[in-house]
C-alpha atoms as a PDB file:
ATOM      1  CA  MET A   1      -0.192  -0.130   0.340  1.00  0.00           C
ATOM      2  CA  ASN A   2       1.415   3.581  -0.675  1.00  0.00           C
ATOM      3  CA  GLU A   3       0.887   7.070   0.528  1.00  0.00           C
ATOM      4  CA  TYR A   4      -0.132   9.562  -2.928  1.00  0.00           C
ATOM      5  CA  LEU A   5      -0.631  12.751  -3.514  1.00  0.00           C
ATOM      6  CA  ILE A   6      -3.751  12.923  -5.023  1.00  0.00           C
ATOM      7  CA  SER A   7      -5.265  16.339  -7.010  1.00  0.00           C
ATOM      8  CA  SER A   8      -8.720  16.848  -8.136  1.00  0.00           C
ATOM      9  CA  ILE A   9     -10.035  19.796 -10.071  1.00  0.00           C
ATOM     10  CA  HIS A  10     -11.718  20.554  -6.562  1.00  0.00           C
ATOM     11  CA  ASP A  11      -9.288  19.283  -3.842  1.00  0.00           C
ATOM     12  CA  ARG A  12      -5.597  18.461  -3.265  1.00  0.00           C
ATOM     13  CA  ARG A  13      -4.597  16.011  -0.510  1.00  0.00           C
ATOM     14  CA  ASP A  14      -1.178  14.866   0.296  1.00  0.00           C
ATOM     15  CA  SER A  15       0.247  11.607   2.172  1.00  0.00           C
ATOM     16  CA  VAL A  16      -3.254   9.819   1.812  1.00  0.00           C
ATOM     17  CA  LEU A  17      -3.877   6.130   1.808  1.00  0.00           C
ATOM     18  CA  GLY A  18      -4.557   5.157  -1.809  1.00  0.00           C
ATOM     19  CA  VAL A  19      -4.554   2.517  -4.388  1.00  0.00           C
ATOM     20  CA  PRO A  20      -4.780   2.534  -8.430  1.00  0.00           C
ATOM     21  CA  GLU A  21      -8.552   2.893  -9.720  1.00  0.00           C
ATOM     22  CA  SER A  22      -7.468  -0.498 -12.199  1.00  0.00           C
ATOM     23  CA  VAL A  23      -7.984  -2.455  -8.843  1.00  0.00           C
ATOM     24  CA  LEU A  24     -10.854  -1.444  -7.742  1.00  0.00           C
ATOM     25  CA  GLN A  25     -14.148  -4.078  -7.984  1.00  0.00           C
ATOM     26  CA  PHE A  26     -17.777  -2.850  -8.050  1.00  0.00           C
ATOM     27  CA  SER A  27     -20.898  -4.473  -7.060  1.00  0.00           C
ATOM     28  CA  LYS A  28     -23.735  -2.354  -7.145  1.00  0.00           C
ATOM     29  CA  ASP A  29     -23.281   0.749  -5.021  1.00  0.00           C
ATOM     30  CA  THR A  30     -20.258  -1.641  -3.312  1.00  0.00           C
ATOM     31  CA  THR A  31     -16.545  -0.667  -3.814  1.00  0.00           C
ATOM     32  CA  TRP A  32     -13.930  -3.512  -2.818  1.00  0.00           C
ATOM     33  CA  VAL A  33     -10.339  -4.722  -3.735  1.00  0.00           C
ATOM     34  CA  GLU A  34      -8.840  -7.956  -2.767  1.00  0.00           C
ATOM     35  CA  VAL A  35      -6.462  -8.261   0.347  1.00  0.00           C
ATOM     36  CA  LYS A  36      -4.016 -11.137   0.446  1.00  0.00           C
ATOM     37  CA  THR A  37      -4.801 -13.431   3.769  1.00  0.00           C
ATOM     38  CA  SER A  38      -2.087 -15.964   2.923  1.00  0.00           C
ATOM     39  CA  ALA A  39       0.641 -16.959   0.425  1.00  0.00           C
ATOM     40  CA  THR A  40      -2.291 -17.785  -2.112  1.00  0.00           C
ATOM     41  CA  GLU A  41      -5.134 -16.691  -0.922  1.00  0.00           C
ATOM     42  CA  PHE A  42      -7.070 -12.956  -1.041  1.00  0.00           C
ATOM     43  CA  LYS A  43     -10.146 -12.236   0.287  1.00  0.00           C
ATOM     44  CA  LYS A  44     -13.094  -9.656  -0.344  1.00  0.00           C
ATOM     45  CA  GLN A  45     -12.211  -6.199   1.312  1.00  0.00           C
ATOM     46  CA  ILE A  46     -15.298  -3.324   0.846  1.00  0.00           C
ATOM     47  CA  ILE A  47     -13.569   0.065   0.976  1.00  0.00           C
ATOM     48  CA  LYS A  48     -14.742   3.584   1.177  1.00  0.00           C
ATOM     49  CA  THR A  49     -13.209   6.156  -1.289  1.00  0.00           C
ATOM     50  CA  GLY A  50     -12.504   9.656  -1.353  1.00  0.00           C
ATOM     51  CA  ILE A  51     -11.321  12.034  -4.090  1.00  0.00           C
ATOM     52  CA  SER A  52      -9.419  10.733  -7.808  1.00  0.00           C
ATOM     53  CA  ASP A  53      -6.965  12.116  -9.652  1.00  0.00           C
ATOM     54  CA  GLY A  54      -8.108   9.354 -12.270  1.00  0.00           C
ATOM     55  CA  ILE A  55      -5.045   7.148 -11.812  1.00  0.00           C
ATOM     56  CA  ASN A  56      -5.004   6.797  -7.907  1.00  0.00           C
ATOM     57  CA  ILE A  57      -7.875   6.843  -5.596  1.00  0.00           C
ATOM     58  CA  GLU A  58      -8.139   7.561  -2.073  1.00  0.00           C
ATOM     59  CA  VAL A  59      -9.101   4.867   0.600  1.00  0.00           C
ATOM     60  CA  LEU A  60     -10.505   6.658   3.249  1.00  0.00           C
ATOM     61  CA  GLU A  61     -11.831   3.410   5.158  1.00  0.00           C
ATOM     62  CA  GLY A  62     -11.132  -0.183   4.918  1.00  0.00           C
ATOM     63  CA  LEU A  63      -7.643  -1.007   4.554  1.00  0.00           C
ATOM     64  CA  SER A  64      -4.444  -0.461   6.007  1.00  0.00           C
ATOM     65  CA  LYS A  65      -0.974   0.578   5.025  1.00  0.00           C
ATOM     66  CA  ASN A  66       0.199  -2.484   6.065  1.00  0.00           C
ATOM     67  CA  ASP A  67      -2.257  -4.765   3.740  1.00  0.00           C
ATOM     68  CA  GLU A  68      -1.541  -6.025   0.525  1.00  0.00           C
ATOM     69  CA  ILE A  69      -3.921  -6.162  -2.147  1.00  0.00           C
ATOM     70  CA  LYS A  70      -4.227  -8.143  -5.389  1.00  0.00           C
ATOM     71  CA  ILE A  71      -3.159  -6.509  -8.696  1.00  0.00           C
ATOM     72  CA  PRO A  72      -4.993  -7.749 -11.838  1.00  0.00           C
ATOM     73  CA  ALA A  73      -2.667  -8.978 -14.497  1.00  0.00           C
ATOM     74  CA  GLY A  74      -1.475  -6.495 -17.102  1.00  0.00           C
ATOM     75  CA  ILE A  75      -1.447  -3.709 -13.990  1.00  0.00           C
ATOM     76  CA  GLU A  76       1.789  -2.647 -13.117  1.00  0.00           C
ATOM     77  CA  ALA A  77       2.098  -2.123  -9.657  1.00  0.00           C
ATOM     78  CA  GLU A  78       3.973   1.025  -8.076  1.00  0.00           C
ATOM     79  CA  LYS A  79       6.952  -0.100  -6.687  1.00  0.00           C
END
């Protein structure tokens, strides 16, 4: 999990917990990601999101800095 500087037309926030928008999954009005629980297993974790810069999105609730999220194939994770 990384800290980001996220700016939108209406707001700017520095050092926020964020994820790439490409890892988000949606079901009706719920946003979630897959969080690693073991070497080969992941669980669905519902999150609440904040502002987005179109690439990364702020995570307000549901994840901590130490969580490892699943990155879909073909998506390059930030180091």
